[in-house]
C-alpha cells in the first residue's frame, strides 16, 4: 500500500470542499482516514482537516493527489516544484503542469510563491533568481524559462462560498430562464458599486446584438456613469455602432421603428469605408466625424478597449486586431485590476475572455440563448452567473439600479 497525508484549510465545511475531497478519494479507488480536524465556530472562522490517503499502487495515489489538489488540498511536507527548461521557442517541456484559473502557489526554496497573472491552459514559469512565478501562454514560451513539470509542489486555492447570503453566490453557473432575474440584476448592481468603491475595474464584453436591440444607448449611459473601465468586442459591434450613428440603422434596419432602409444592406460597408477614410475610430472621434455612440463613449471616457477580429469580418475597421495571439496579449494587458466582468450577447468573445480571467473575477453572462452560458461554464469559466434574457432589458434594468 502507498500512503501520503494531505491537509485542507479554509471554509472547507460549508463550501463542501472536505466532502468533495473524500468523494474523490473513494471514486478513484483509494481510502482515507481523518487524523485531525478543527471546525471553525463562526462564519468567519476557518476550518482545518488532515487526511491520511492510501492506495494500492503509486499511479492511483498520484491520481488521487491530483484530484485533491484541484480542490485545494496540499500534501503535507510537500517537496518543491520540479522545473524543466524551455528548449524550443513556443514549446513547453514534456509533462508541463497545465494551469487552472484558480489562485495557485508553487513551493520554491522553502516557501509558497503566488503565481502571477493566473489563467487556465497555460504553464507556470518560475524565475529562480527573483523567486517569483507567473503563467505563460504557449506562444510565449522562450528558451531560458524554467517551467513547472508534474504536480509536485503545487497548491491550488478553490473558490469558497461567500460569507453572506446573496443571490450572486447561490445561483452559481446554473442556467434557466425561470430565475428571479430582477434579484440577480440588483445583486450585480450592488457588486458593481462595491467594486468601483474599492477602485476595482469593471470589464464589459459585448456582441453586436447590443446595437441591434437598441441597447447601445444603455451601454453608453453605463460608460458615462463610470461603470466600464475595460471593453472587449469585435469588428461587428463597432461597425454597427458607427452605422447607427451615421445612418440611424443597424443591419440596415432603422433602430427607431425597425423599418428596412433603402439599400440598407450596404450601410455597414459604407460605415467601414468612412472610418477607414478617417484613419480609424479615434481619429474619427477627434475630428468630430463620430459624435456619439458606444465607441465614441469608450474613446472619450478613456476606457481601455480591444477589438479582436474574426475570419468573417467585413473591412475590417483599422482599429481591429486581426492577429489572434496579438489580440489575446492586448486583452491580457487590460485585465489587471478587473474585479467584475459583464459578458453581453457574444458567445465567442465571452469564451475567449473567460479563458483569460482568474476564477476570482465575478462574471455575469447575459444572453437570450441558454447555450451561450452553458458553453462558457463547460469551457472552464465555472464562476459565471448566467442570465437568460434580452440584453436590452438587462442593461435598462441594471441602469435603474446604478444611475
Protein backbone atom coordinates (compact mmCIF):
# COMPACT_ATOMS: atom_id res chain seq x y z
CA UNK A 1 0.00 0.00 0.00
CA UNK A 2 1.11 3.56 -0.74
CA UNK A 3 0.33 6.34 1.74
CA UNK A 4 0.55 10.10 1.95
CA UNK A 5 -1.01 12.85 4.07
CA UNK A 6 -2.91 15.87 2.79
CA UNK A 7 -4.35 18.89 4.55
CA UNK A 8 -7.17 21.33 3.87
CA UNK A 9 -7.56 24.83 5.29
CA UNK A 10 -10.33 27.39 4.89
CA UNK A 11 -14.12 27.26 4.79
CA UNK A 12 -13.96 23.60 3.87
CA UNK A 13 -17.21 22.52 5.52
CA UNK A 14 -19.89 24.93 4.29
CA UNK A 15 -18.24 25.13 0.86
CA UNK A 16 -18.32 21.31 0.76
CA UNK A 17 -14.64 21.09 -0.08
CA UNK A 18 -13.90 18.41 2.53
CA UNK A 19 -16.70 16.01 1.43
CA UNK A 20 -15.74 16.55 -2.21
CA UNK A 21 -12.16 15.52 -1.44
CA UNK A 22 -13.43 12.45 0.42
CA UNK A 23 -15.65 11.52 -2.55
CA UNK A 24 -12.74 11.95 -4.96
CA UNK A 25 -10.56 9.60 -2.90
CA UNK A 26 -13.23 6.89 -2.87
CA UNK A 27 -14.19 7.33 -6.54
CA UNK A 28 -10.58 6.86 -7.63
CA UNK A 29 -10.16 3.64 -5.67
CA UNK A 30 -8.34 4.89 -2.60
CA UNK A 31 -9.13 5.10 1.07
CA UNK A 32 -8.74 7.80 3.72
CA UNK A 33 -8.56 8.34 7.44
CA UNK A 34 -9.16 11.72 9.05
CA UNK A 35 -6.32 12.13 11.53
CA UNK A 36 -7.10 15.68 12.62
CA UNK A 37 -9.99 18.11 12.18
CA UNK A 38 -10.70 21.56 13.62
CA UNK A 39 -14.01 23.18 12.70
CA UNK A 40 -14.47 26.95 12.81
CA UNK A 41 -17.14 28.05 15.27
CA UNK A 42 -18.33 31.15 13.40
CA UNK A 43 -18.89 32.12 9.77
CA UNK A 44 -15.56 33.91 9.60
CA UNK A 45 -13.53 31.18 11.32
CA UNK A 46 -11.64 28.78 9.06
CA UNK A 47 -11.50 25.03 9.49
CA UNK A 48 -8.65 22.54 9.15
CA UNK A 49 -8.53 18.86 8.27
CA UNK A 50 -5.69 16.41 7.83
CA UNK A 51 -6.31 13.16 5.97
CA UNK A 52 -4.15 10.10 5.50
CA UNK A 53 -4.65 8.77 1.96
CA UNK A 54 -3.86 5.17 0.99
CA UNK A 55 -3.92 3.43 -2.40
CA UNK A 56 -2.83 0.08 -3.73
CA UNK A 57 -0.35 1.49 -6.22
CA UNK A 58 1.65 4.65 -6.86
CA UNK A 59 -0.33 5.58 -10.01
CA UNK A 60 -3.66 5.53 -8.14
CA UNK A 61 -2.19 7.60 -5.32
CA UNK A 62 -0.89 10.16 -7.83
CA UNK A 63 -4.34 10.42 -9.43
CA UNK A 64 -5.95 10.93 -6.02
CA UNK A 65 -3.44 13.61 -5.07
CA UNK A 66 -4.01 15.41 -8.38
CA UNK A 67 -7.80 15.42 -7.84
CA UNK A 68 -7.40 16.58 -4.24
CA UNK A 69 -5.05 19.39 -5.25
CA UNK A 70 -7.64 20.65 -7.75
CA UNK A 71 -9.96 21.05 -4.76
CA UNK A 72 -7.38 22.93 -2.72
CA UNK A 73 -5.64 20.16 -0.79
CA UNK A 74 -1.94 20.40 -0.06
CA UNK A 75 0.38 17.46 0.50
CA UNK A 76 1.88 17.54 3.97
CA UNK A 77 5.64 18.11 3.86
CA UNK A 78 5.30 18.82 0.14
CA UNK A 79 8.55 18.81 -1.79
CA UNK A 80 9.48 21.70 -4.05
CA UNK A 81 8.33 22.02 -7.64
CA UNK A 82 10.25 20.30 -10.40
CA UNK A 83 11.46 22.65 -13.11
CA UNK A 84 12.49 21.94 -16.69
CA UNK A 85 13.93 24.38 -19.22
CA UNK A 86 12.25 25.56 -22.41
CA UNK A 87 14.46 24.32 -25.23
CA UNK A 88 12.44 25.44 -28.24
CA UNK A 89 10.56 28.71 -28.73
CA UNK A 90 6.81 28.20 -28.43
CA UNK A 91 7.15 24.68 -27.00
CA UNK A 92 6.82 23.67 -23.33
CA UNK A 93 8.89 20.81 -21.88
CA UNK A 94 7.20 17.40 -21.71
CA UNK A 95 4.98 16.86 -18.67
CA UNK A 96 4.41 20.57 -18.02
CA UNK A 97 1.77 21.47 -15.45
CA UNK A 98 -1.36 22.86 -17.15
CA UNK A 99 -2.75 25.70 -15.07
CA UNK A 100 -6.32 26.33 -13.93
CA UNK A 101 -7.95 29.72 -13.41
CA UNK A 102 -7.85 29.28 -9.62
CA UNK A 103 -5.31 31.12 -7.47
CA UNK A 104 -2.20 28.93 -7.41
CA UNK A 105 1.01 28.75 -5.37
CA UNK A 106 4.24 26.86 -6.04
CA UNK A 107 6.78 25.78 -3.43
CA UNK A 108 10.25 27.09 -4.15
CA UNK A 109 13.19 27.48 -1.77
CA UNK A 110 11.12 26.54 1.24
CA UNK A 111 8.21 28.94 0.75
CA UNK A 112 4.96 29.11 -1.19
CA UNK A 113 5.13 31.63 -4.03
CA UNK A 114 1.93 33.03 -5.63
CA UNK A 115 1.59 32.55 -9.38
CA UNK A 116 1.01 35.93 -11.04
CA UNK A 117 -1.39 36.50 -13.94
CA UNK A 118 -3.18 33.23 -13.32
CA UNK A 119 -5.31 31.89 -16.18
CA UNK A 120 -6.34 28.50 -17.43
CA UNK A 121 -4.50 26.38 -20.01
CA UNK A 122 -1.04 27.89 -19.53
CA UNK A 123 2.23 26.74 -17.99
CA UNK A 124 3.91 28.17 -14.90
CA UNK A 125 7.34 29.76 -15.27
CA UNK A 126 9.49 30.25 -12.17
CA UNK A 127 12.10 32.98 -12.02
CA UNK A 128 14.65 31.19 -9.85
CA UNK A 129 16.67 34.34 -9.14
CA UNK A 130 13.74 36.54 -8.08
CA UNK A 131 11.78 33.64 -6.53
CA UNK A 132 8.65 34.60 -8.45
CA UNK A 133 6.25 32.70 -10.69
CA UNK A 134 3.80 33.59 -13.43
CA UNK A 135 1.54 31.98 -16.03
CA UNK A 136 2.94 31.74 -19.54
CA UNK A 137 0.79 31.01 -22.63
CA UNK A 138 2.20 28.55 -25.14
CA UNK A 139 3.17 31.12 -27.77
CA UNK A 140 5.26 32.99 -25.19
CA UNK A 141 7.47 30.05 -24.22
CA UNK A 142 11.08 31.16 -24.64
CA UNK A 143 14.40 29.31 -24.21
CA UNK A 144 15.84 30.09 -20.79
CA UNK A 145 12.49 29.91 -18.97
CA UNK A 146 12.11 27.35 -16.18
CA UNK A 147 8.71 25.62 -16.43
CA UNK A 148 6.95 23.62 -13.72
CA UNK A 149 6.54 19.96 -14.69
CA UNK A 150 4.43 17.40 -12.85
CA UNK A 151 2.21 18.24 -9.89
CA UNK A 152 4.70 18.28 -7.04
CA UNK A 153 4.94 21.49 -5.02
CA UNK A 154 1.67 22.99 -6.32
CA UNK A 155 -1.18 24.33 -4.21
CA UNK A 156 -4.49 25.44 -5.74
CA UNK A 157 -6.93 27.60 -3.75
CA UNK A 158 -10.57 26.72 -4.55
CA UNK A 159 -13.36 29.26 -4.65
CA UNK A 160 -15.33 29.30 -1.44
CA UNK A 161 -18.91 30.23 -0.82
CA UNK A 162 -19.44 33.83 0.18
CA UNK A 163 -19.68 34.55 3.91
CA UNK A 164 -23.05 36.32 3.49
CA UNK A 165 -26.17 35.18 1.71
CA UNK A 166 -26.51 36.71 -1.72
CA UNK A 167 -28.22 35.79 -4.96
CA UNK A 168 -24.88 36.05 -6.78
CA UNK A 169 -23.18 33.35 -4.71
CA UNK A 170 -26.06 30.89 -4.62
CA UNK A 171 -27.04 30.98 -8.29
CA UNK A 172 -23.68 29.74 -9.49
CA UNK A 173 -23.43 28.85 -13.17
CA UNK A 174 -26.85 27.21 -13.36
CA UNK A 175 -28.79 28.21 -16.45
CA UNK A 176 -32.53 28.67 -16.54
CA UNK A 177 -35.00 31.19 -17.90
CA UNK A 178 -37.15 30.62 -14.80
CA UNK A 179 -34.98 32.55 -12.41
CA UNK A 180 -35.56 35.70 -10.33
CA UNK A 181 -33.71 37.86 -12.85
CA UNK A 182 -34.66 41.10 -11.13
CA UNK A 183 -32.96 39.94 -7.92
CA UNK A 184 -29.84 38.91 -9.81
CA UNK A 185 -29.63 42.27 -11.60
CA UNK A 186 -29.95 44.10 -8.29
CA UNK A 187 -27.19 41.94 -6.86
CA UNK A 188 -24.96 42.57 -9.89
CA UNK A 189 -25.52 46.31 -9.47
CA UNK A 190 -24.51 46.08 -5.81
CA UNK A 191 -21.36 44.17 -6.77
CA UNK A 192 -20.52 46.83 -9.37
CA UNK A 193 -20.94 49.63 -6.85
CA UNK A 194 -18.72 47.85 -4.33
CA UNK A 195 -16.07 47.11 -6.95
CA UNK A 196 -15.92 50.77 -8.00
CA UNK A 197 -15.81 51.91 -4.36
CA UNK A 198 -12.71 49.73 -3.91
CA UNK A 199 -11.15 51.12 -7.07
CA UNK A 200 -11.63 47.85 -8.94
CA UNK A 201 -12.21 47.76 -12.68
CA UNK A 202 -15.30 46.51 -14.49
CA UNK A 203 -14.92 44.74 -17.82
CA UNK A 204 -17.68 44.63 -20.44
CA UNK A 205 -17.51 42.07 -23.25
CA UNK A 206 -20.19 42.81 -25.83
CA UNK A 207 -21.52 41.49 -29.12
CA UNK A 208 -23.33 43.28 -31.97
CA UNK A 209 -26.75 42.32 -30.56
CA UNK A 210 -26.21 45.18 -28.09
CA UNK A 211 -26.55 47.55 -31.07
CA UNK A 212 -29.18 45.54 -32.99
CA UNK A 213 -31.57 45.51 -29.99
CA UNK A 214 -31.23 49.23 -29.34
CA UNK A 215 -29.30 48.63 -26.11
CA UNK A 216 -26.35 50.72 -27.25
CA UNK A 217 -27.74 53.83 -25.56
CA UNK A 218 -27.89 51.98 -22.23
CA UNK A 219 -24.30 50.86 -22.61
CA UNK A 220 -23.30 54.45 -23.36
CA UNK A 221 -25.01 55.56 -20.13
CA UNK A 222 -23.16 52.84 -18.22
CA UNK A 223 -19.85 54.10 -19.60
CA UNK A 224 -20.68 57.73 -18.87
CA UNK A 225 -21.59 56.81 -15.29
CA UNK A 226 -18.09 55.38 -14.77
CA UNK A 227 -19.04 51.70 -14.59
CA UNK A 228 -16.90 50.49 -17.51
CA UNK A 229 -13.10 50.61 -17.41
CA UNK A 230 -12.29 47.87 -19.92
CA UNK A 231 -14.19 46.99 -23.11
CA UNK A 232 -13.70 43.92 -25.31
CA UNK A 233 -15.60 43.40 -28.55
CA UNK A 234 -15.07 42.66 -32.22
CA UNK A 235 -15.40 44.33 -35.57
CA UNK A 236 -19.17 43.79 -35.79
CA UNK A 237 -20.27 45.80 -32.75
CA UNK A 238 -18.02 48.72 -33.63
CA UNK A 239 -19.20 48.69 -37.26
CA UNK A 240 -22.89 48.59 -36.45
CA UNK A 241 -22.38 51.19 -33.73
CA UNK A 242 -20.89 53.53 -36.34
CA UNK A 243 -23.66 52.58 -38.77
CA UNK A 244 -26.27 53.54 -36.18
CA UNK A 245 -24.61 56.94 -35.70
CA UNK A 246 -24.15 57.74 -39.39
CA UNK A 247 -27.35 56.25 -40.80
CA UNK A 248 -29.65 55.54 -37.85
CA UNK A 249 -29.68 51.84 -38.78
CA UNK A 250 -28.22 48.53 -37.64
CA UNK A 251 -28.14 45.67 -40.13
CA UNK A 252 -29.92 48.08 -42.45
CA UNK A 253 -32.97 48.48 -40.16
CA UNK A 254 -33.88 51.82 -38.62
CA UNK A 255 -33.47 51.47 -34.86
CA UNK A 256 -36.33 53.85 -34.10
CA UNK A 257 -39.02 51.84 -35.90
CA UNK A 258 -37.49 48.65 -37.30
CA UNK A 259 -38.25 49.61 -40.90
CA UNK A 260 -35.82 48.47 -43.58
CA UNK A 261 -33.83 51.33 -45.09
CA UNK A 262 -33.42 51.66 -48.84
CA UNK A 263 -30.13 49.97 -49.73
CA UNK A 264 -29.66 49.47 -46.00
CA UNK A 265 -27.77 46.25 -46.61
CA UNK A 266 -24.79 48.39 -47.67
CA UNK A 267 -24.86 50.76 -44.69
CA UNK A 268 -22.36 48.76 -42.65
CA UNK A 269 -19.91 48.74 -45.56
CA UNK A 270 -20.31 52.48 -46.02
CA UNK A 271 -19.71 52.92 -42.28
CA UNK A 272 -16.48 50.88 -42.51
CA UNK A 273 -15.37 52.86 -45.55
CA UNK A 274 -15.99 56.16 -43.76
CA UNK A 275 -13.92 55.18 -40.73
CA UNK A 276 -11.13 53.78 -42.87
CA UNK A 277 -11.01 57.07 -44.78
CA UNK A 278 -10.77 58.93 -41.44
CA UNK A 279 -7.85 56.74 -40.34
CA UNK A 280 -9.62 54.87 -37.54
CA UNK A 281 -12.18 55.29 -34.78
CA UNK A 282 -10.06 57.53 -32.56
CA UNK A 283 -9.30 59.93 -35.40
CA UNK A 284 -12.97 59.91 -36.37
CA UNK A 285 -13.87 60.98 -32.83
CA UNK A 286 -11.13 63.60 -32.64
CA UNK A 287 -12.15 65.13 -35.98
CA UNK A 288 -15.80 65.36 -34.99
CA UNK A 289 -16.92 62.80 -37.55
CA UNK A 290 -18.12 60.37 -34.86
CA UNK A 291 -20.05 62.37 -32.27
CA UNK A 292 -21.92 59.74 -30.26
CA UNK A 293 -22.41 56.01 -29.79
CA UNK A 294 -20.68 53.26 -27.84
CA UNK A 295 -17.23 53.62 -29.40
CA UNK A 296 -17.40 57.41 -29.04
CA UNK A 297 -18.15 56.97 -25.33
CA UNK A 298 -15.38 54.39 -24.92
CA UNK A 299 -12.80 56.68 -26.51
CA UNK A 300 -13.87 59.96 -24.90
CA UNK A 301 -14.07 58.42 -21.41
CA UNK A 302 -10.65 56.78 -21.57
CA UNK A 303 -11.89 53.20 -21.47
CA UNK A 304 -9.25 50.61 -22.39
CA UNK A 305 -10.58 48.66 -25.37
CA UNK A 306 -9.59 45.78 -27.63
CA UNK A 307 -11.32 44.97 -30.91
CA UNK A 308 -10.45 41.37 -31.76
CA UNK A 309 -11.08 40.27 -35.32
CA UNK A 310 -12.51 37.08 -36.81
CA UNK A 311 -12.47 35.35 -40.19
CA UNK A 312 -15.92 36.67 -41.10
CA UNK A 313 -15.19 40.37 -40.59
CA UNK A 314 -16.00 42.87 -43.32
CA UNK A 315 -13.36 45.54 -43.77
CA UNK A 316 -12.28 45.39 -41.03
CA UNK A 317 -12.05 48.70 -39.21
CA UNK A 318 -8.44 49.93 -38.82
CA UNK A 319 -8.68 49.51 -35.04
CA UNK A 320 -9.38 45.76 -35.26
CA UNK A 321 -6.52 43.42 -34.33
CA UNK A 322 -6.62 40.59 -36.85
CA UNK A 323 -3.79 38.51 -35.34
CA UNK A 324 -5.49 36.34 -32.70
CA UNK A 325 -2.46 35.85 -30.46
CA UNK A 326 -1.74 39.58 -30.55
CA UNK A 327 -5.38 40.27 -29.65
CA UNK A 328 -5.11 37.85 -26.71
CA UNK A 329 -1.96 39.57 -25.48
CA UNK A 330 -3.60 43.01 -25.71
CA UNK A 331 -6.59 41.68 -23.75
CA UNK A 332 -4.25 40.27 -21.08
CA UNK A 333 -2.67 43.71 -20.66
CA UNK A 334 -6.06 45.20 -19.78
CA UNK A 335 -7.08 42.60 -17.17
CA UNK A 336 -5.02 43.55 -14.07
CA UNK A 337 -7.39 45.16 -11.57
CA UNK A 338 -10.57 43.78 -13.14
CA UNK A 339 -12.94 42.56 -10.40
CA UNK A 340 -16.15 42.03 -12.33
CA UNK A 341 -16.92 41.08 -15.94
CA UNK A 342 -20.19 41.56 -17.82
CA UNK A 343 -20.49 39.40 -20.93
CA UNK A 344 -23.31 40.63 -23.13
CA UNK A 345 -24.69 38.61 -26.04
CA UNK A 346 -21.48 37.24 -27.50
CA UNK A 347 -20.52 33.59 -27.33
CA UNK A 348 -17.04 33.57 -28.88
CA UNK A 349 -15.75 36.72 -27.18
CA UNK A 350 -17.21 35.57 -23.85
CA UNK A 351 -15.48 32.19 -24.03
CA UNK A 352 -12.22 33.79 -25.17
CA UNK A 353 -12.31 36.29 -22.31
CA UNK A 354 -13.33 33.63 -19.80
CA UNK A 355 -10.22 31.67 -20.73
CA UNK A 356 -8.10 34.65 -19.68
CA UNK A 357 -9.86 35.53 -16.42
CA UNK A 358 -8.92 34.29 -12.95
CA UNK A 359 -11.78 32.41 -11.27
CA UNK A 360 -11.93 35.08 -8.55
CA UNK A 361 -13.31 37.64 -11.06
CA UNK A 362 -17.08 37.83 -10.68
CA UNK A 363 -18.51 37.02 -14.10
CA UNK A 364 -22.03 37.61 -15.40
CA UNK A 365 -23.08 36.24 -18.78
CA UNK A 366 -26.25 37.64 -20.35
CA UNK A 367 -27.68 36.02 -23.46
CA UNK A 368 -31.07 35.16 -24.90
CA UNK A 369 -29.62 31.73 -25.76
CA UNK A 370 -29.01 29.48 -22.71
CA UNK A 371 -26.37 27.53 -24.67
CA UNK A 372 -24.02 30.53 -24.50
CA UNK A 373 -23.88 30.43 -20.71
CA UNK A 374 -23.65 26.63 -20.69
CA UNK A 375 -20.71 26.59 -23.09
CA UNK A 376 -18.94 29.29 -21.10
CA UNK A 377 -19.16 27.16 -17.94
CA UNK A 378 -18.26 23.95 -19.80
CA UNK A 379 -15.03 25.55 -21.00
CA UNK A 380 -13.85 26.35 -17.50
CA UNK A 381 -15.46 29.66 -16.50
CA UNK A 382 -17.47 27.90 -13.81
CA UNK A 383 -17.82 31.06 -11.71
CA UNK A 384 -20.09 32.68 -14.32
CA UNK A 385 -23.64 33.58 -13.33
CA UNK A 386 -25.98 33.07 -16.28
CA UNK A 387 -28.92 35.35 -17.04
CA UNK A 388 -31.14 34.18 -19.90
CA UNK A 389 -32.56 37.48 -21.08
CA UNK A 390 -32.75 40.05 -23.81
CA UNK A 391 -29.69 42.25 -23.40
CA UNK A 392 -31.68 45.47 -23.85
CA UNK A 393 -33.88 44.60 -20.84
CA UNK A 394 -30.85 43.66 -18.75
CA UNK A 395 -28.93 46.88 -19.39
CA UNK A 396 -32.00 49.04 -18.85
CA UNK A 397 -32.76 47.28 -15.56
CA UNK A 398 -29.12 47.48 -14.48
CA UNK A 399 -29.04 51.23 -15.11
CA UNK A 400 -32.16 51.67 -12.99
CA UNK A 401 -30.20 50.29 -10.04
CA UNK A 402 -26.98 52.15 -10.75
CA UNK A 403 -27.87 55.61 -12.02
